[in-house]
Amino acid sequence: MTLNFFIAGPGSMAIPLIANDVLQGTGFHVSVLEIAITVGMIGGAILIGFFNPKRKRGFIVLGQLCFLGVTMVLLSMVTTLWQGVIAFALIGF
């Protein structure tokens, strides 16, 4: 619940706002950013498929939540499309 309230909600609202207000972009920019988050999710799923941790799962989850928070902070510094693509790919990962 906390993750959805603080990370997923603002993250999903940030995509069109960043594309429109920060990048002064069009629908193409929104699509590229959403594709980046999807590619990150697929990459993360493939990584978990190959590397299935058996121990310290709670520690790994907390580490990923911290990583996600840091990446959201980095998202606030995006000024170009390629920076947004990298940030959203990391968020998806």
C-alpha atoms as a PDB file:
ATOM      1  CA  MET A   1       0.000   0.000   0.000  1.00  0.00           C
ATOM      2  CA  THR A   2       2.825   2.373   0.859  1.00  0.00           C
ATOM      3  CA  LEU A   3       4.650   1.594  -2.374  1.00  0.00           C
ATOM      4  CA  ASN A   4       1.534   2.310  -4.432  1.00  0.00           C
ATOM      5  CA  PHE A   5       0.832   5.552  -2.587  1.00  0.00           C
ATOM      6  CA  PHE A   6       4.318   7.059  -2.698  1.00  0.00           C
ATOM      7  CA  ILE A   7       5.982   5.492  -5.745  1.00  0.00           C
ATOM      8  CA  ALA A   8       3.588   3.923  -8.268  1.00  0.00           C
ATOM      9  CA  GLY A   9       0.967   6.668  -8.210  1.00  0.00           C
ATOM     10  CA  PRO A  10       3.350   9.609  -8.641  1.00  0.00           C
ATOM     11  CA  GLY A  11       5.393   7.564 -11.126  1.00  0.00           C
ATOM     12  CA  SER A  12       2.416   6.911 -13.383  1.00  0.00           C
ATOM     13  CA  MET A  13       1.348  10.554 -13.174  1.00  0.00           C
ATOM     14  CA  ALA A  14       4.896  11.739 -13.849  1.00  0.00           C
ATOM     15  CA  ILE A  15       5.196  10.262 -17.341  1.00  0.00           C
ATOM     16  CA  PRO A  16       2.810  12.621 -19.177  1.00  0.00           C
ATOM     17  CA  LEU A  17       3.769  15.578 -16.984  1.00  0.00           C
ATOM     18  CA  ILE A  18       7.489  15.147 -17.637  1.00  0.00           C
ATOM     19  CA  ALA A  19       6.909  14.640 -21.354  1.00  0.00           C
ATOM     20  CA  ASN A  20       4.716  17.726 -21.650  1.00  0.00           C
ATOM     21  CA  ASP A  21       6.088  20.224 -19.130  1.00  0.00           C
ATOM     22  CA  VAL A  22       9.770  19.357 -18.808  1.00  0.00           C
ATOM     23  CA  LEU A  23      10.595  18.005 -22.264  1.00  0.00           C
ATOM     24  CA  GLN A  24       8.016  20.119 -24.156  1.00  0.00           C
ATOM     25  CA  GLY A  25       7.292  16.954 -26.071  1.00  0.00           C
ATOM     26  CA  THR A  26       4.414  15.289 -27.825  1.00  0.00           C
ATOM     27  CA  GLY A  27       2.727  11.920 -27.618  1.00  0.00           C
ATOM     28  CA  PHE A  28       5.885  10.376 -29.057  1.00  0.00           C
ATOM     29  CA  HIS A  29       7.821  11.389 -25.932  1.00  0.00           C
ATOM     30  CA  VAL A  30       5.145   9.856 -23.700  1.00  0.00           C
ATOM     31  CA  SER A  31       5.318   6.630 -25.711  1.00  0.00           C
ATOM     32  CA  VAL A  32       9.106   6.461 -25.528  1.00  0.00           C
ATOM     33  CA  LEU A  33       9.050   6.955 -21.748  1.00  0.00           C
ATOM     34  CA  GLU A  34       6.391   4.280 -21.301  1.00  0.00           C
ATOM     35  CA  ILE A  35       8.322   1.901 -23.531  1.00  0.00           C
ATOM     36  CA  ALA A  36      11.411   2.523 -21.388  1.00  0.00           C
ATOM     37  CA  ILE A  37       9.562   1.560 -18.220  1.00  0.00           C
ATOM     38  CA  THR A  38       8.248  -1.587 -19.946  1.00  0.00           C
ATOM     39  CA  VAL A  39      11.716  -2.580 -21.147  1.00  0.00           C
ATOM     40  CA  GLY A  40      13.004  -2.095 -17.600  1.00  0.00           C
ATOM     41  CA  MET A  41      10.257  -4.349 -16.246  1.00  0.00           C
ATOM     42  CA  ILE A  42      11.045  -7.061 -18.789  1.00  0.00           C
ATOM     43  CA  GLY A  43      14.760  -6.817 -17.972  1.00  0.00           C
ATOM     44  CA  GLY A  44      14.047  -7.111 -14.255  1.00  0.00           C
ATOM     45  CA  ALA A  45      11.784 -10.116 -14.818  1.00  0.00           C
ATOM     46  CA  ILE A  46      14.449 -11.851 -16.889  1.00  0.00           C
ATOM     47  CA  LEU A  47      17.070 -11.137 -14.224  1.00  0.00           C
ATOM     48  CA  ILE A  48      14.865 -12.569 -11.472  1.00  0.00           C
ATOM     49  CA  GLY A  49      14.169 -15.585 -13.702  1.00  0.00           C
ATOM     50  CA  PHE A  50      17.870 -16.368 -13.919  1.00  0.00           C
ATOM     51  CA  PHE A  51      18.874 -15.223 -10.433  1.00  0.00           C
ATOM     52  CA  ASN A  52      16.267 -16.528  -8.009  1.00  0.00           C
ATOM     53  CA  PRO A  53      17.450 -15.602  -4.505  1.00  0.00           C
ATOM     54  CA  LYS A  54      16.636 -18.141  -1.808  1.00  0.00           C
ATOM     55  CA  ARG A  55      17.999 -16.201   1.162  1.00  0.00           C
ATOM     56  CA  LYS A  56      17.609 -12.653   2.426  1.00  0.00           C
ATOM     57  CA  ARG A  57      14.579 -11.887   0.263  1.00  0.00           C
ATOM     58  CA  GLY A  58      13.364  -9.234   2.694  1.00  0.00           C
ATOM     59  CA  PHE A  59      16.716  -7.464   2.532  1.00  0.00           C
ATOM     60  CA  ILE A  60      16.616  -7.567  -1.264  1.00  0.00           C
ATOM     61  CA  VAL A  61      13.089  -6.115  -1.323  1.00  0.00           C
ATOM     62  CA  LEU A  62      14.055  -3.276   1.019  1.00  0.00           C
ATOM     63  CA  GLY A  63      17.136  -2.580  -1.081  1.00  0.00           C
ATOM     64  CA  GLN A  64      15.023  -2.412  -4.230  1.00  0.00           C
ATOM     65  CA  LEU A  65      12.588  -0.030  -2.550  1.00  0.00           C
ATOM     66  CA  CYS A  66      15.484   2.249  -1.601  1.00  0.00           C
ATOM     67  CA  PHE A  67      16.823   1.993  -5.161  1.00  0.00           C
ATOM     68  CA  LEU A  68      13.371   2.908  -6.490  1.00  0.00           C
ATOM     69  CA  GLY A  69      13.183   5.934  -4.201  1.00  0.00           C
ATOM     70  CA  VAL A  70      16.631   7.149  -5.277  1.00  0.00           C
ATOM     71  CA  THR A  71      15.683   6.687  -8.926  1.00  0.00           C
ATOM     72  CA  MET A  72      12.511   8.730  -8.389  1.00  0.00           C
ATOM     73  CA  VAL A  73      14.676  11.514  -6.962  1.00  0.00           C
ATOM     74  CA  LEU A  74      16.917  11.275 -10.040  1.00  0.00           C
ATOM     75  CA  LEU A  75      13.787  11.513 -12.170  1.00  0.00           C
ATOM     76  CA  SER A  76      13.239  15.030 -10.856  1.00  0.00           C
ATOM     77  CA  MET A  77      16.538  16.078 -12.475  1.00  0.00           C
ATOM     78  CA  VAL A  78      15.584  14.965 -16.005  1.00  0.00           C
ATOM     79  CA  THR A  79      16.019  17.637 -18.668  1.00  0.00           C
ATOM     80  CA  THR A  80      16.351  15.611 -21.891  1.00  0.00           C
ATOM     81  CA  LEU A  81      14.570  12.610 -23.365  1.00  0.00           C
ATOM     82  CA  TRP A  82      17.493  10.203 -23.058  1.00  0.00           C
ATOM     83  CA  GLN A  83      17.833  10.988 -19.329  1.00  0.00           C
ATOM     84  CA  GLY A  84      14.132  10.258 -18.895  1.00  0.00           C
ATOM     85  CA  VAL A  85      14.468   6.988 -20.787  1.00  0.00           C
ATOM     86  CA  ILE A  86      17.304   5.859 -18.521  1.00  0.00           C
ATOM     87  CA  ALA A  87      15.466   6.942 -15.362  1.00  0.00           C
ATOM     88  CA  PHE A  88      12.232   5.203 -16.327  1.00  0.00           C
ATOM     89  CA  ALA A  89      14.065   2.053 -17.406  1.00  0.00           C
ATOM     90  CA  LEU A  90      15.704   1.936 -13.971  1.00  0.00           C
ATOM     91  CA  ILE A  91      12.357   2.512 -12.293  1.00  0.00           C
ATOM     92  CA  GLY A  92      10.876  -0.386 -14.264  1.00  0.00           C
ATOM     93  CA  PHE A  93      13.846  -2.574 -13.465  1.00  0.00           C
END
